[in-house]
Amino acid sequence: MDLDRILIDLLSDRIVAELVARRRRGLLVFGATDLGLDAALASLSSLAKAGWSFEWTAEAALRDGLAARLDWPEAAAPVTLSRAALVLVPALSLSLAAKLALGIADDPLSQILTEALDRGRRIVAARDGVCPAARDRLARGLAPATEARRALMRDHLQALAAQGVELGWAATLAATVEGAGAAAAPAQQDSGIFGARDARAVTGTTLRLGRAVLLTPAAADILAARGIAISRG
């Protein structure tokens, strides 16, 4: 009887350990940009120390260089989401952001991210390669010359956020993934966009939103799943 109990305890511990490990497995998707890449790789080192493990896939232009800098294996083709609790985009290129914003999935990276969106997987992406005011862009003289161009880039990011993608900076990706320093969402918001990350941070049972607030579909789904009522006014 004692031996059976010991074996059951050991098996239970292994099952719990495996479940915890699965929650910290992810897929890295690198677009064709090196904007913010060094900072993103430093963030990935922090995640590794916190117990995260990843497979990765990348545009051909970055693949060889990344293979020498990453301790994790490259994902075998075709890439699947079966083992990934998180999809992390440390290098979000402008072209990849544009495809996701417009619902285009015509290459391996856009296809895997589109599937992740359709399956409701958590996606975190660094905005450095797309944001017109990103530090690396400005340092390299890549600031868009016209307001129309800047607006287009901001619109792509807004479209991704509306679909549930959590946007952060390459240098703080680890904090974004872990939720470090994230403040609880206010019980009331009168303007702007209320997205998935905001919905996850809501406390209480009722959220009051002004009539001008754009509630993203992903945020609405999260609030509904958590049983949080929405009051407009």
Protein backbone atom coordinates (compact mmCIF):
# COMPACT_ATOMS: atom_id res chain seq x y z
CA MET A 1 0.00 0.00 0.00
CA ASP A 2 2.79 2.42 0.92
CA LEU A 3 4.61 1.61 -2.34
CA ASP A 4 1.44 2.29 -4.35
CA ARG A 5 1.02 5.62 -2.59
CA ILE A 6 4.64 6.59 -3.31
CA LEU A 7 4.27 5.67 -6.98
CA ILE A 8 1.04 7.67 -7.26
CA ASP A 9 2.71 10.68 -5.62
CA LEU A 10 5.68 10.46 -7.99
CA LEU A 11 3.40 10.15 -11.01
CA SER A 12 1.32 13.09 -9.85
CA ASP A 13 4.45 15.22 -9.41
CA ARG A 14 5.61 14.36 -12.92
CA ILE A 15 2.22 15.23 -14.40
CA VAL A 16 2.15 18.58 -12.60
CA ALA A 17 5.73 19.32 -13.69
CA GLU A 18 4.85 18.52 -17.31
CA LEU A 19 1.78 20.77 -17.22
CA VAL A 20 3.87 23.63 -15.83
CA ALA A 21 6.53 23.08 -18.51
CA ARG A 22 3.91 23.11 -21.28
CA ARG A 23 2.71 26.50 -20.13
CA ARG A 24 6.24 27.81 -20.75
CA ARG A 25 6.78 26.44 -24.24
CA GLY A 26 6.58 28.83 -27.13
CA LEU A 27 7.24 29.41 -30.80
CA LEU A 28 9.44 32.29 -31.96
CA VAL A 29 8.57 33.87 -35.30
CA PHE A 30 11.18 36.23 -36.75
CA GLY A 31 10.17 38.52 -39.61
CA ALA A 32 12.67 39.93 -42.12
CA THR A 33 13.98 42.81 -40.01
CA ASP A 34 16.83 43.34 -37.57
CA LEU A 35 15.25 46.46 -36.05
CA GLY A 36 15.27 45.89 -32.30
CA LEU A 37 16.72 42.41 -32.78
CA ASP A 38 19.64 42.72 -30.34
CA ALA A 39 17.34 43.97 -27.60
CA ALA A 40 14.85 41.20 -28.38
CA LEU A 41 17.53 38.52 -28.07
CA ALA A 42 18.50 39.91 -24.66
CA SER A 43 14.84 39.65 -23.63
CA LEU A 44 14.78 36.04 -24.82
CA SER A 45 17.75 35.28 -22.58
CA SER A 46 15.72 36.59 -19.64
CA LEU A 47 12.82 34.34 -20.59
CA ALA A 48 15.16 31.34 -20.80
CA LYS A 49 16.34 32.02 -17.25
CA ALA A 50 12.68 32.18 -16.19
CA GLY A 51 12.13 28.65 -17.51
CA TRP A 52 10.77 29.30 -21.00
CA SER A 53 11.76 27.05 -23.90
CA PHE A 54 11.15 27.75 -27.57
CA GLU A 55 11.33 26.47 -31.08
CA TRP A 56 11.85 29.11 -33.74
CA THR A 57 11.26 29.89 -37.37
CA ALA A 58 12.42 32.85 -39.41
CA GLU A 59 12.58 34.52 -42.80
CA ALA A 60 15.47 33.19 -44.86
CA ALA A 61 17.39 36.48 -44.55
CA LEU A 62 17.75 36.02 -40.77
CA ARG A 63 17.87 32.24 -40.45
CA ASP A 64 21.63 31.63 -40.63
CA GLY A 65 22.49 34.44 -38.25
CA LEU A 66 19.86 33.37 -35.73
CA ALA A 67 20.97 29.75 -35.73
CA ALA A 68 24.29 30.83 -34.25
CA ARG A 69 22.69 33.06 -31.61
CA LEU A 70 19.80 30.92 -30.33
CA ASP A 71 20.15 27.95 -28.01
CA TRP A 72 16.79 26.49 -29.06
CA PRO A 73 16.13 24.29 -32.09
CA GLU A 74 14.71 25.56 -35.36
CA ALA A 75 11.17 24.27 -35.83
CA ALA A 76 10.81 21.50 -38.38
CA ALA A 77 8.76 22.31 -41.46
CA PRO A 78 5.84 22.48 -41.59
CA VAL A 79 5.70 24.50 -38.38
CA THR A 80 2.89 23.52 -36.01
CA LEU A 81 1.37 25.12 -32.93
CA SER A 82 0.75 21.87 -31.07
CA ARG A 83 3.47 22.43 -28.45
CA ALA A 84 3.30 26.22 -28.21
CA ALA A 85 1.36 27.98 -25.47
CA LEU A 86 2.73 31.30 -26.73
CA VAL A 87 3.69 32.68 -30.13
CA LEU A 88 6.34 35.36 -29.74
CA VAL A 89 7.39 37.68 -32.58
CA PRO A 90 10.69 39.28 -31.51
CA ALA A 91 11.24 40.79 -34.98
CA LEU A 92 7.97 41.98 -36.50
CA SER A 93 8.67 43.30 -39.99
CA LEU A 94 6.53 45.90 -41.72
CA SER A 95 5.57 43.45 -44.46
CA LEU A 96 4.50 40.77 -41.97
CA ALA A 97 2.49 43.30 -39.96
CA ALA A 98 0.78 44.52 -43.15
CA LYS A 99 -0.21 40.99 -44.14
CA LEU A 100 -1.72 40.23 -40.74
CA ALA A 101 -3.50 43.58 -40.65
CA LEU A 102 -5.08 42.87 -44.04
CA GLY A 103 -5.82 39.19 -43.43
CA ILE A 104 -3.25 37.94 -45.97
CA ALA A 105 -1.63 34.55 -45.34
CA ASP A 106 0.50 33.75 -48.40
CA ASP A 107 3.82 32.62 -46.88
CA PRO A 108 4.86 30.33 -43.98
CA LEU A 109 5.17 33.06 -41.35
CA SER A 110 1.90 34.82 -42.11
CA GLN A 111 0.19 31.43 -42.29
CA ILE A 112 1.40 30.28 -38.87
CA LEU A 113 0.45 33.61 -37.28
CA THR A 114 -2.96 33.57 -38.95
CA GLU A 115 -3.54 30.06 -37.59
CA ALA A 116 -2.49 31.26 -34.14
CA LEU A 117 -5.04 34.07 -34.34
CA ASP A 118 -7.75 31.68 -35.52
CA ARG A 119 -6.98 29.24 -32.69
CA GLY A 120 -6.94 31.97 -30.06
CA ARG A 121 -3.29 31.41 -29.11
CA ARG A 122 -1.58 34.16 -27.20
CA ILE A 123 0.63 36.25 -29.51
CA VAL A 124 3.16 38.82 -28.26
CA ALA A 125 5.05 40.93 -30.81
CA ALA A 126 7.78 43.58 -30.67
CA ARG A 127 6.66 46.74 -32.44
CA ASP A 128 10.18 48.09 -33.10
CA GLY A 129 10.23 47.12 -36.78
CA VAL A 130 6.88 48.77 -37.52
CA CYS A 131 6.40 51.73 -35.18
CA PRO A 132 7.46 54.95 -36.99
CA ALA A 133 8.86 56.38 -33.75
CA ALA A 134 10.90 53.30 -32.73
CA ARG A 135 14.38 54.11 -31.43
CA ASP A 136 16.21 51.87 -33.91
CA ARG A 137 14.32 53.37 -36.85
CA LEU A 138 15.19 56.90 -35.81
CA ALA A 139 18.84 55.99 -35.12
CA ARG A 140 19.18 54.57 -38.64
CA GLY A 141 17.43 57.48 -40.30
CA LEU A 142 14.40 55.37 -41.20
CA ALA A 143 11.79 57.82 -39.89
CA PRO A 144 8.97 58.03 -42.48
CA ALA A 145 9.03 61.32 -44.34
CA THR A 146 5.26 61.84 -44.60
CA GLU A 147 2.38 61.73 -42.16
CA ALA A 148 0.53 59.40 -44.54
CA ARG A 149 3.34 56.86 -44.23
CA ARG A 150 3.45 57.18 -40.44
CA ALA A 151 -0.33 56.79 -40.25
CA LEU A 152 -0.17 53.64 -42.37
CA MET A 153 2.36 52.05 -40.03
CA ARG A 154 0.33 53.01 -36.96
CA ASP A 155 -2.80 51.60 -38.59
CA HIS A 156 -1.10 48.24 -39.08
CA LEU A 157 -0.21 48.10 -35.38
CA GLN A 158 -3.73 49.13 -34.40
CA ALA A 159 -5.20 46.38 -36.59
CA LEU A 160 -2.98 43.79 -34.94
CA ALA A 161 -3.94 44.99 -31.47
CA ALA A 162 -7.62 44.83 -32.44
CA GLN A 163 -7.13 41.16 -33.37
CA GLY A 164 -5.67 40.39 -29.96
CA VAL A 165 -1.91 40.67 -30.58
CA GLU A 166 -0.11 42.04 -27.53
CA LEU A 167 2.38 44.67 -28.68
CA GLY A 168 5.47 45.62 -26.72
CA TRP A 169 9.03 46.80 -27.26
CA ALA A 170 11.91 44.43 -28.00
CA ALA A 171 13.79 45.53 -24.90
CA THR A 172 10.84 44.70 -22.64
CA LEU A 173 9.49 41.55 -24.29
CA ALA A 174 10.27 39.44 -21.23
CA ALA A 175 8.23 41.75 -19.02
CA THR A 176 5.38 41.75 -21.55
CA VAL A 177 5.32 37.95 -21.70
CA GLU A 178 5.48 37.54 -17.94
CA GLY A 179 3.04 40.39 -17.30
CA ALA A 180 5.58 42.09 -15.04
CA GLY A 181 4.62 45.56 -14.00
CA ALA A 182 1.25 45.40 -15.71
CA ALA A 183 -1.27 47.51 -13.87
CA ALA A 184 -4.82 46.39 -13.41
CA ALA A 185 -7.13 47.80 -16.03
CA PRO A 186 -9.36 50.58 -14.77
CA ALA A 187 -12.99 49.82 -14.04
CA GLN A 188 -13.90 52.65 -16.42
CA GLN A 189 -12.45 53.93 -19.69
CA ASP A 190 -13.84 56.87 -21.62
CA SER A 191 -11.79 56.90 -24.84
CA GLY A 192 -9.31 54.98 -26.98
CA ILE A 193 -9.05 51.26 -27.69
CA PHE A 194 -9.77 48.53 -25.15
CA GLY A 195 -7.85 45.44 -26.21
CA ALA A 196 -7.14 41.86 -25.17
CA ARG A 197 -4.37 42.75 -22.74
CA ASP A 198 -6.65 45.28 -21.04
CA ALA A 199 -9.38 42.65 -20.78
CA ARG A 200 -7.06 40.17 -19.09
CA ALA A 201 -6.14 42.80 -16.48
CA VAL A 202 -9.70 43.78 -15.50
CA THR A 203 -10.64 43.19 -11.87
CA GLY A 204 -14.20 43.07 -10.61
CA THR A 205 -17.36 41.95 -12.32
CA THR A 206 -18.33 45.07 -14.30
CA LEU A 207 -16.42 47.20 -16.80
CA ARG A 208 -17.71 50.65 -17.75
CA LEU A 209 -16.74 51.89 -21.22
CA GLY A 210 -17.54 55.22 -22.81
CA ARG A 211 -19.51 55.16 -26.05
CA ALA A 212 -16.42 56.30 -27.98
CA VAL A 213 -14.26 53.40 -26.78
CA LEU A 214 -13.42 50.78 -29.40
CA LEU A 215 -13.77 47.34 -27.78
CA THR A 216 -11.81 44.82 -29.85
CA PRO A 217 -13.47 41.46 -30.63
CA ALA A 218 -10.68 39.59 -28.81
CA ALA A 219 -11.23 41.71 -25.70
CA ALA A 220 -14.99 41.11 -25.85
CA ASP A 221 -14.42 37.35 -26.01
CA ILE A 222 -12.05 37.43 -23.02
CA LEU A 223 -14.47 39.52 -20.94
CA ALA A 224 -17.34 37.19 -21.79
CA ALA A 225 -15.28 34.12 -20.86
CA ARG A 226 -14.42 35.73 -17.51
CA GLY A 227 -18.03 36.62 -16.82
CA ILE A 228 -17.38 40.38 -16.75
CA ALA A 229 -20.32 42.56 -17.70
CA ILE A 230 -19.84 45.62 -19.95
CA SER A 231 -21.71 48.85 -19.28
CA ARG A 232 -21.71 51.57 -21.94
CA GLY A 233 -22.30 55.17 -21.05
